[in-house]
Protein backbone atom coordinates (compact mmCIF):
# COMPACT_ATOMS: atom_id res chain seq x y z
CA MET A 1 39.56 50.95 57.98
CA GLN A 2 42.57 49.99 55.89
CA ALA A 3 43.81 52.60 53.43
CA TYR A 4 43.00 50.47 50.40
CA GLU A 5 39.41 49.99 51.62
CA ARG A 6 38.85 53.71 51.24
CA LEU A 7 39.56 53.32 47.54
CA LEU A 8 36.80 50.71 47.24
CA LEU A 9 34.35 52.94 49.05
CA GLU A 10 35.25 55.89 46.85
CA ASN A 11 34.75 53.70 43.80
CA LYS A 12 31.24 52.78 44.87
CA ALA A 13 30.41 56.42 45.52
CA TRP A 14 31.79 57.44 42.12
CA ALA A 15 29.85 54.71 40.31
CA ALA A 16 26.64 55.72 42.10
CA GLU A 17 27.16 59.36 41.09
CA ARG A 18 27.66 58.44 37.43
CA LYS A 19 24.52 56.30 37.39
CA ALA A 20 22.52 59.01 39.10
CA GLU A 21 23.55 61.47 36.40
CA ASP A 22 22.98 59.00 33.57
CA PRO A 23 21.41 55.56 34.25
CA LEU A 24 22.93 54.24 30.99
CA TYR A 25 26.43 55.63 31.64
CA PHE A 26 28.22 52.32 32.16
CA GLU A 27 26.16 50.50 29.57
CA LYS A 28 27.23 53.01 26.92
CA LEU A 29 30.83 53.10 28.15
CA SER A 30 31.15 49.31 27.97
CA GLU A 31 29.98 49.06 24.37
CA VAL A 32 32.94 50.66 22.57
CA GLN A 33 35.94 52.91 23.05
CA GLN A 34 36.77 55.39 20.30
CA PRO A 35 39.36 57.77 21.77
CA ASP A 36 40.92 60.44 19.58
CA TYR A 37 44.02 60.60 21.75
CA LEU A 38 46.89 58.40 22.88
CA TRP A 39 48.55 59.85 25.97
CA ILE A 40 52.12 58.81 26.77
CA GLY A 41 52.72 60.26 30.20
CA CYS A 42 54.81 59.93 33.33
CA SER A 43 53.87 57.42 36.02
CA ASP A 44 53.88 60.24 38.58
CA SER A 45 50.65 60.07 40.60
CA ARG A 46 50.24 63.85 40.40
CA VAL A 47 49.70 63.84 36.63
CA PRO A 48 46.44 61.97 35.87
CA ALA A 49 45.63 62.38 32.17
CA ASN A 50 41.84 62.56 32.45
CA GLU A 51 41.75 64.99 35.35
CA ILE A 52 44.22 67.54 34.04
CA THR A 53 42.60 67.59 30.59
CA GLY A 54 39.00 67.55 31.83
CA THR A 55 38.19 64.46 29.78
CA GLN A 56 35.96 61.50 30.60
CA PRO A 57 36.64 57.75 30.61
CA GLY A 58 36.79 56.55 27.01
CA GLU A 59 38.27 59.75 25.57
CA ILE A 60 42.01 59.13 26.10
CA PHE A 61 43.96 55.89 25.65
CA VAL A 62 46.79 56.01 28.19
CA HIS A 63 50.29 54.61 28.55
CA ARG A 64 52.51 55.73 31.43
CA ASN A 65 56.09 55.04 32.44
CA VAL A 66 58.88 56.76 34.35
CA ALA A 67 59.61 60.11 32.66
CA ASN A 68 57.23 59.52 29.70
CA MET A 69 59.77 57.75 27.52
CA VAL A 70 59.40 56.42 23.98
CA VAL A 71 62.06 53.71 23.93
CA HIS A 72 62.47 51.82 20.66
CA THR A 73 62.86 48.44 22.41
CA ASP A 74 60.01 48.87 24.91
CA ILE A 75 57.52 46.20 23.82
CA ASN A 76 54.94 47.49 26.27
CA LEU A 77 54.97 50.97 24.73
CA LEU A 78 55.08 49.59 21.18
CA THR A 79 52.09 47.34 21.82
CA VAL A 80 50.06 50.26 23.14
CA LEU A 81 51.19 52.46 20.24
CA GLU A 82 50.24 49.96 17.56
CA TYR A 83 46.86 49.23 19.12
CA ALA A 84 46.06 52.92 19.51
CA VAL A 85 47.22 53.97 16.04
CA MET A 86 46.23 50.97 13.92
CA HIS A 87 43.13 49.66 15.68
CA LEU A 88 41.65 52.56 17.63
CA GLN A 89 42.65 54.99 14.86
CA VAL A 90 43.59 57.79 17.23
CA LYS A 91 44.17 61.18 15.62
CA HIS A 92 46.67 62.55 18.14
CA VAL A 93 49.58 61.06 20.09
CA ILE A 94 50.60 63.20 23.05
CA VAL A 95 53.84 62.85 24.99
CA CYS A 96 53.29 64.74 28.24
CA GLY A 97 56.05 65.32 30.75
CA HIS A 98 55.90 67.49 33.84
CA TYR A 99 58.11 69.99 35.57
CA GLY A 100 59.73 68.68 38.73
CA CYS A 101 59.90 65.15 37.28
CA GLY A 102 61.74 62.84 39.68
CA GLY A 103 62.94 60.58 36.87
CA VAL A 104 64.51 63.49 35.01
CA LYS A 105 66.11 64.83 38.20
CA ALA A 106 67.54 61.38 38.91
CA ALA A 107 68.94 61.10 35.40
CA ALA A 108 70.59 64.51 35.72
CA SER A 109 72.43 63.34 38.83
CA LYS A 110 75.33 60.95 39.27
CA SER A 111 73.56 58.85 41.89
CA ASP A 112 73.18 55.08 41.58
CA PHE A 113 69.51 54.04 41.56
CA GLY A 114 69.98 50.33 40.93
CA ILE A 115 67.96 48.68 38.19
CA ILE A 116 66.36 51.99 37.20
CA ASN A 117 69.79 53.16 35.99
CA SER A 118 69.16 51.32 32.70
CA TRP A 119 65.97 53.31 32.11
CA LEU A 120 67.50 56.62 33.18
CA THR A 121 70.34 56.15 30.70
CA ASN A 122 67.87 57.11 27.96
CA ILE A 123 67.39 60.50 29.62
CA LYS A 124 71.12 60.90 30.25
CA GLU A 125 71.57 60.57 26.49
CA VAL A 126 69.13 63.44 25.99
CA TYR A 127 71.24 65.48 28.44
CA THR A 128 74.38 64.63 26.48
CA ARG A 129 72.84 65.83 23.19
CA HIS A 130 72.01 69.19 24.78
CA LYS A 131 74.91 69.41 27.22
CA ASP A 132 76.11 72.89 26.25
CA GLU A 133 72.67 74.45 26.67
CA LEU A 134 71.94 72.65 29.94
CA ASP A 135 75.34 73.24 31.54
CA ALA A 136 74.90 76.96 30.88
CA ILE A 137 71.86 77.04 33.21
CA ALA A 138 73.16 77.73 36.72
CA ASP A 139 69.99 77.03 38.70
CA GLU A 140 69.52 73.29 39.21
CA ASP A 141 65.72 73.36 39.17
CA GLU A 142 65.63 75.47 36.02
CA ARG A 143 68.16 73.13 34.39
CA CYS A 144 66.03 70.10 35.22
CA ASP A 145 62.88 71.80 33.95
CA ARG A 146 64.60 72.56 30.66
CA LEU A 147 65.74 68.92 30.50
CA VAL A 148 62.08 67.92 31.01
CA GLU A 149 61.18 69.97 27.93
CA LEU A 150 64.06 68.63 25.86
CA ASN A 151 63.21 65.09 26.90
CA VAL A 152 59.60 65.50 25.73
CA ILE A 153 60.83 66.86 22.39
CA GLU A 154 63.19 63.90 21.96
CA GLN A 155 60.42 61.41 22.73
CA VAL A 156 58.15 62.96 20.10
CA LYS A 157 61.00 62.68 17.61
CA ASN A 158 61.39 59.05 18.62
CA LEU A 159 57.73 58.53 17.78
CA SER A 160 58.27 59.95 14.30
CA LYS A 161 61.07 57.46 13.69
CA ASN A 162 58.77 54.52 14.46
CA ALA A 163 57.39 52.38 11.64
CA ILE A 164 53.92 52.36 13.24
CA ILE A 165 53.65 56.12 12.96
CA GLN A 166 55.21 56.24 9.50
CA LYS A 167 52.85 53.56 8.22
CA ALA A 168 49.87 55.62 9.35
CA TRP A 169 51.27 58.72 7.64
CA LYS A 170 51.96 56.86 4.40
CA LYS A 171 48.37 55.61 4.40
CA GLY A 172 47.26 59.23 4.42
CA ARG A 173 46.23 59.33 8.06
CA SER A 174 46.28 62.77 9.64
CA LEU A 175 48.13 61.71 12.76
CA HIS A 176 49.38 64.62 14.84
CA LEU A 177 52.21 64.22 17.38
CA HIS A 178 52.36 66.59 20.34
CA GLY A 179 54.92 67.31 23.04
CA TRP A 180 53.47 68.87 26.19
CA VAL A 181 54.74 69.69 29.68
CA TYR A 182 52.44 69.94 32.68
CA GLY A 183 53.14 72.38 35.50
CA LEU A 184 52.67 70.89 38.95
CA LYS A 185 52.68 74.37 40.50
CA ASP A 186 49.95 75.91 38.35
CA GLY A 187 48.16 72.98 36.65
CA ILE A 188 48.76 74.40 33.18
CA ILE A 189 49.91 72.35 30.18
CA LYS A 190 52.57 73.98 28.00
CA PRO A 191 52.93 72.79 24.37
CA VAL A 192 56.64 72.56 23.48
CA PHE A 193 56.74 70.62 20.19
CA ASP A 194 54.52 69.36 17.37
CA MET A 195 54.89 67.12 14.33
CA LYS A 196 52.25 66.35 11.73
CA ASP A 197 51.89 63.87 8.87
CA GLU A 198 54.97 62.64 7.03
CA LYS A 199 57.51 65.00 8.54
CA ILE A 200 60.38 62.56 9.09
CA LEU A 201 63.52 63.97 10.67
CA GLU A 202 66.26 62.32 8.63
CA PRO A 203 66.13 60.06 5.53
CA ILE A 204 67.84 57.21 7.41
CA TYR A 205 64.76 56.89 9.64
CA ASN A 206 62.30 56.80 6.74
CA TYR A 207 61.12 53.27 5.96
CA GLU A 208 60.46 52.96 2.21
CA LYS A 209 58.27 49.85 2.19
CA ILE A 210 55.99 49.50 5.18
């Protein structure tokens, strides 16, 4: 059996289990999705949003990329964000990083990773903003873990600067932004930052007419 064929078999077994528990499971799931959460997470295969939060299909709208970045020019992320906030009317947007993140470790190094260098530059800029704090941490793993936390915080701040988020706040939506970090070694999620409603960081980022 080819490795990918195992996935198809597992899918059939999973579908059969769901139908055995609830014969209308897929019928109900196919009718509508009304998630309360948008999850912006890392592409790392060890951090599946549904499994680590104990949620079911239909409960979390998910976007994933290397090192859970919110990049202002990323049309993929912006499309997901607008759909989730404006059409699905999610109540929470979660940026979730994880300790031991390979993307963050790569960004903290001076190695050349080819085309991914352009993406990692965004994380290098986070390092630069917090250089004094990070350089004072002698242990490399601890330094990278702190950079993971700082990166998550920066990405939540990037969300707050976005017109999509600000438009929702100005319409009176109670949209809560969260920054979380998942521990690969213990499976626990650590909240590291939160923003709620119209808390804009600096006036220059506040759009007056949106």
